[in-house]
């Protein structure tokens, strides 16, 4: 299992921490943001694949912002996949 951290941009949350087991995502944690909603997202995505998650949350906006914590999770997963393949 590989641990990955991603600094978010444009959201109330500041950091996303997660573990990858191949393409499966585990232990997603957000630092900052709406605690209950982000705990729910973390619980709902536990064990899903990168593609399953990004298909669901990529492009979601929060109010007038061009992104959201879900969209930032999709970006974090893409970056994690890219970092994993570069090794």
N, C-alpha and C. Protein backbone atom coordinates (compact mmCIF):
# COMPACT_ATOMS: atom_id res chain seq x y z
N UNK A 1 0.85 -1.17 0.00
CA UNK A 1 0.00 0.00 0.00
C UNK A 1 0.89 1.24 0.00
N UNK A 2 0.52 2.23 -0.81
CA UNK A 2 1.29 3.46 -0.94
C UNK A 2 0.49 4.62 -0.37
N UNK A 3 1.14 5.43 0.47
CA UNK A 3 0.50 6.60 1.06
C UNK A 3 0.74 7.81 0.16
N UNK A 4 -0.26 8.67 0.03
CA UNK A 4 -0.16 9.85 -0.81
C UNK A 4 -0.85 11.02 -0.13
N UNK A 5 -0.28 12.22 -0.25
CA UNK A 5 -0.90 13.44 0.25
C UNK A 5 -0.98 14.46 -0.87
N UNK A 6 -2.08 15.21 -0.88
CA UNK A 6 -2.33 16.18 -1.93
C UNK A 6 -2.81 17.48 -1.31
N UNK A 7 -2.16 18.57 -1.63
CA UNK A 7 -2.58 19.90 -1.17
C UNK A 7 -3.67 20.41 -2.11
N UNK A 8 -4.83 20.67 -1.54
CA UNK A 8 -5.97 21.10 -2.34
C UNK A 8 -5.84 22.56 -2.75
N UNK A 9 -6.60 22.93 -3.77
CA UNK A 9 -6.63 24.31 -4.26
C UNK A 9 -8.09 24.73 -4.44
N UNK A 10 -8.43 25.89 -3.88
CA UNK A 10 -9.76 26.46 -4.10
C UNK A 10 -10.87 25.87 -3.26
N UNK A 11 -10.53 25.16 -2.19
CA UNK A 11 -11.55 24.59 -1.31
C UNK A 11 -11.25 24.92 0.15
N UNK A 12 -12.22 24.69 1.01
CA UNK A 12 -12.02 24.90 2.44
C UNK A 12 -11.06 23.87 3.02
N UNK A 13 -11.10 22.65 2.50
CA UNK A 13 -10.13 21.65 2.94
C UNK A 13 -8.76 22.04 2.39
N UNK A 14 -7.73 21.70 3.13
CA UNK A 14 -6.37 22.09 2.75
C UNK A 14 -5.51 20.93 2.27
N UNK A 15 -5.87 19.71 2.67
CA UNK A 15 -5.04 18.55 2.36
C UNK A 15 -5.91 17.31 2.29
N UNK A 16 -5.57 16.42 1.36
CA UNK A 16 -6.21 15.11 1.28
C UNK A 16 -5.10 14.07 1.44
N UNK A 17 -5.33 13.15 2.35
CA UNK A 17 -4.40 12.05 2.62
C UNK A 17 -5.12 10.76 2.26
N UNK A 18 -4.40 9.86 1.57
CA UNK A 18 -5.04 8.59 1.17
C UNK A 18 -4.00 7.52 0.94
N UNK A 19 -4.45 6.28 0.91
CA UNK A 19 -3.60 5.14 0.60
C UNK A 19 -4.12 4.47 -0.66
N UNK A 20 -3.20 4.01 -1.49
CA UNK A 20 -3.54 3.26 -2.69
C UNK A 20 -2.99 1.84 -2.58
N UNK A 21 -3.85 0.89 -2.87
CA UNK A 21 -3.46 -0.51 -3.00
C UNK A 21 -3.72 -0.86 -4.45
N UNK A 22 -2.71 -0.62 -5.29
CA UNK A 22 -2.92 -0.73 -6.73
C UNK A 22 -3.84 0.40 -7.17
N UNK A 23 -5.01 0.05 -7.67
CA UNK A 23 -6.01 1.04 -8.09
C UNK A 23 -7.07 1.28 -7.02
N UNK A 24 -7.04 0.52 -5.93
CA UNK A 24 -8.04 0.65 -4.86
C UNK A 24 -7.64 1.72 -3.86
N UNK A 25 -8.62 2.52 -3.45
CA UNK A 25 -8.40 3.66 -2.57
C UNK A 25 -8.86 3.32 -1.15
N UNK A 26 -8.01 3.68 -0.18
CA UNK A 26 -8.31 3.41 1.23
C UNK A 26 -7.90 4.60 2.09
N UNK A 27 -8.52 4.70 3.25
CA UNK A 27 -8.12 5.65 4.30
C UNK A 27 -8.08 7.10 3.84
N UNK A 28 -9.09 7.53 3.08
CA UNK A 28 -9.14 8.92 2.64
C UNK A 28 -9.46 9.81 3.84
N UNK A 29 -8.65 10.85 4.01
CA UNK A 29 -8.87 11.81 5.10
C UNK A 29 -8.65 13.21 4.55
N UNK A 30 -9.56 14.11 4.90
CA UNK A 30 -9.45 15.51 4.52
C UNK A 30 -9.03 16.31 5.75
N UNK A 31 -8.19 17.31 5.56
CA UNK A 31 -7.81 18.24 6.62
C UNK A 31 -8.52 19.55 6.32
N UNK A 32 -9.35 20.01 7.25
CA UNK A 32 -10.15 21.21 7.05
C UNK A 32 -11.43 20.86 6.32
N UNK A 33 -12.23 21.88 6.07
CA UNK A 33 -13.47 21.67 5.33
C UNK A 33 -14.63 21.26 6.20
N UNK A 34 -15.71 20.83 5.60
CA UNK A 34 -16.95 20.44 6.28
C UNK A 34 -16.80 19.03 6.84
N UNK A 35 -16.51 18.93 8.10
CA UNK A 35 -16.13 17.66 8.73
C UNK A 35 -17.09 16.51 8.43
N UNK A 36 -18.36 16.70 8.66
CA UNK A 36 -19.32 15.60 8.46
C UNK A 36 -19.42 15.17 7.01
N UNK A 37 -19.50 16.13 6.10
CA UNK A 37 -19.60 15.80 4.68
C UNK A 37 -18.35 15.09 4.19
N UNK A 38 -17.19 15.52 4.64
CA UNK A 38 -15.95 14.91 4.17
C UNK A 38 -15.73 13.53 4.78
N UNK A 39 -16.21 13.32 6.00
CA UNK A 39 -16.17 11.97 6.57
C UNK A 39 -17.08 11.05 5.77
N UNK A 40 -18.22 11.58 5.32
CA UNK A 40 -19.15 10.79 4.52
C UNK A 40 -18.51 10.42 3.18
N UNK A 41 -17.88 11.38 2.51
CA UNK A 41 -17.19 11.09 1.25
C UNK A 41 -16.15 10.00 1.47
N UNK A 42 -15.35 10.16 2.52
CA UNK A 42 -14.30 9.17 2.81
C UNK A 42 -14.88 7.78 2.99
N UNK A 43 -15.98 7.70 3.70
CA UNK A 43 -16.62 6.41 3.94
C UNK A 43 -17.19 5.82 2.64
N UNK A 44 -17.80 6.66 1.84
CA UNK A 44 -18.44 6.18 0.61
C UNK A 44 -17.43 5.70 -0.44
N UNK A 45 -16.23 6.26 -0.45
CA UNK A 45 -15.25 5.88 -1.48
C UNK A 45 -14.31 4.77 -1.03
N UNK A 46 -14.37 4.38 0.23
CA UNK A 46 -13.47 3.35 0.76
C UNK A 46 -13.55 2.07 -0.07
N UNK A 47 -12.40 1.65 -0.60
CA UNK A 47 -12.31 0.40 -1.34
C UNK A 47 -12.66 0.49 -2.82
N UNK A 48 -13.14 1.65 -3.27
CA UNK A 48 -13.46 1.81 -4.69
C UNK A 48 -12.17 2.04 -5.48
N UNK A 49 -12.26 1.91 -6.79
CA UNK A 49 -11.09 2.16 -7.63
C UNK A 49 -10.99 3.65 -7.95
N UNK A 50 -9.81 4.05 -8.40
CA UNK A 50 -9.59 5.44 -8.81
C UNK A 50 -10.63 5.85 -9.85
N UNK A 51 -10.85 5.03 -10.86
CA UNK A 51 -11.81 5.37 -11.91
C UNK A 51 -13.23 5.47 -11.39
N UNK A 52 -13.63 4.56 -10.51
CA UNK A 52 -14.98 4.61 -9.95
C UNK A 52 -15.21 5.93 -9.22
N UNK A 53 -14.22 6.36 -8.48
CA UNK A 53 -14.35 7.61 -7.72
C UNK A 53 -14.32 8.82 -8.64
N UNK A 54 -13.33 8.88 -9.52
CA UNK A 54 -13.21 10.07 -10.39
C UNK A 54 -14.43 10.21 -11.30
N UNK A 55 -15.00 9.11 -11.75
CA UNK A 55 -16.20 9.18 -12.58
C UNK A 55 -17.36 9.82 -11.83
N UNK A 56 -17.42 9.62 -10.52
CA UNK A 56 -18.52 10.13 -9.71
C UNK A 56 -18.33 11.58 -9.27
N UNK A 57 -17.10 12.00 -8.95
CA UNK A 57 -16.92 13.29 -8.29
C UNK A 57 -16.17 14.35 -9.10
N UNK A 58 -15.58 13.94 -10.21
CA UNK A 58 -14.83 14.89 -11.03
C UNK A 58 -15.77 15.95 -11.60
N UNK A 59 -15.36 17.21 -11.49
CA UNK A 59 -16.14 18.31 -12.05
C UNK A 59 -17.22 18.88 -11.17
N UNK A 60 -17.45 18.30 -9.99
CA UNK A 60 -18.44 18.85 -9.07
C UNK A 60 -17.94 20.19 -8.56
N UNK A 61 -18.84 21.15 -8.50
CA UNK A 61 -18.49 22.49 -8.02
C UNK A 61 -19.13 22.73 -6.66
N UNK A 62 -18.54 23.61 -5.88
CA UNK A 62 -19.07 24.00 -4.57
C UNK A 62 -19.50 25.47 -4.67
N UNK A 63 -20.80 25.69 -4.74
CA UNK A 63 -21.29 27.06 -4.88
C UNK A 63 -20.74 27.70 -6.14
N UNK A 64 -20.14 28.87 -6.00
CA UNK A 64 -19.59 29.59 -7.17
C UNK A 64 -18.15 29.20 -7.47
N UNK A 65 -17.57 28.35 -6.63
CA UNK A 65 -16.19 27.91 -6.85
C UNK A 65 -16.12 26.99 -8.07
N UNK A 66 -14.99 26.98 -8.74
CA UNK A 66 -14.81 26.12 -9.91
C UNK A 66 -14.46 24.69 -9.55
N UNK A 67 -14.39 24.39 -8.27
CA UNK A 67 -14.01 23.05 -7.80
C UNK A 67 -14.77 22.76 -6.51
N UNK A 68 -14.54 21.60 -5.95
CA UNK A 68 -15.13 21.20 -4.68
C UNK A 68 -14.17 20.21 -4.03
N UNK A 69 -14.47 19.81 -2.82
CA UNK A 69 -13.62 18.80 -2.17
C UNK A 69 -13.67 17.48 -2.93
N UNK A 70 -14.84 17.13 -3.47
CA UNK A 70 -14.94 15.92 -4.28
C UNK A 70 -14.11 16.02 -5.54
N UNK A 71 -14.18 17.16 -6.22
CA UNK A 71 -13.39 17.38 -7.43
C UNK A 71 -11.90 17.36 -7.09
N UNK A 72 -11.52 17.93 -5.95
CA UNK A 72 -10.12 17.90 -5.54
C UNK A 72 -9.67 16.47 -5.23
N UNK A 73 -10.58 15.64 -4.70
CA UNK A 73 -10.25 14.23 -4.48
C UNK A 73 -9.96 13.56 -5.82
N UNK A 74 -10.76 13.84 -6.83
CA UNK A 74 -10.51 13.28 -8.17
C UNK A 74 -9.15 13.71 -8.68
N UNK A 75 -8.81 14.98 -8.49
CA UNK A 75 -7.50 15.47 -8.93
C UNK A 75 -6.38 14.81 -8.14
N UNK A 76 -6.59 14.62 -6.84
CA UNK A 76 -5.59 13.96 -6.00
C UNK A 76 -5.35 12.53 -6.48
N UNK A 77 -6.42 11.84 -6.84
CA UNK A 77 -6.30 10.46 -7.29
C UNK A 77 -5.58 10.36 -8.63
N UNK A 78 -5.84 11.31 -9.51
CA UNK A 78 -5.12 11.33 -10.79
C UNK A 78 -3.62 11.56 -10.56
N UNK A 79 -3.32 12.50 -9.65
CA UNK A 79 -1.91 12.77 -9.33
C UNK A 79 -1.25 11.57 -8.67
N UNK A 80 -1.98 10.88 -7.81
CA UNK A 80 -1.44 9.70 -7.13
C UNK A 80 -1.16 8.60 -8.14
N UNK A 81 -2.08 8.41 -9.08
CA UNK A 81 -1.88 7.40 -10.12
C UNK A 81 -0.65 7.73 -10.96
N UNK A 82 -0.49 8.98 -11.31
CA UNK A 82 0.64 9.41 -12.11
C UNK A 82 1.95 9.20 -11.33
N UNK A 83 1.94 9.54 -10.04
CA UNK A 83 3.14 9.36 -9.21
C UNK A 83 3.48 7.89 -9.08
N UNK A 84 2.45 7.05 -8.96
CA UNK A 84 2.67 5.61 -8.83
C UNK A 84 3.27 5.03 -10.11
N UNK A 85 2.81 5.50 -11.25
CA UNK A 85 3.32 4.95 -12.52
C UNK A 85 4.71 5.48 -12.85
N UNK A 86 5.11 6.59 -12.24
CA UNK A 86 6.43 7.15 -12.48
C UNK A 86 7.53 6.43 -11.71
N UNK A 87 7.11 5.63 -10.73
CA UNK A 87 8.10 4.92 -9.88
C UNK A 87 8.58 3.67 -10.57
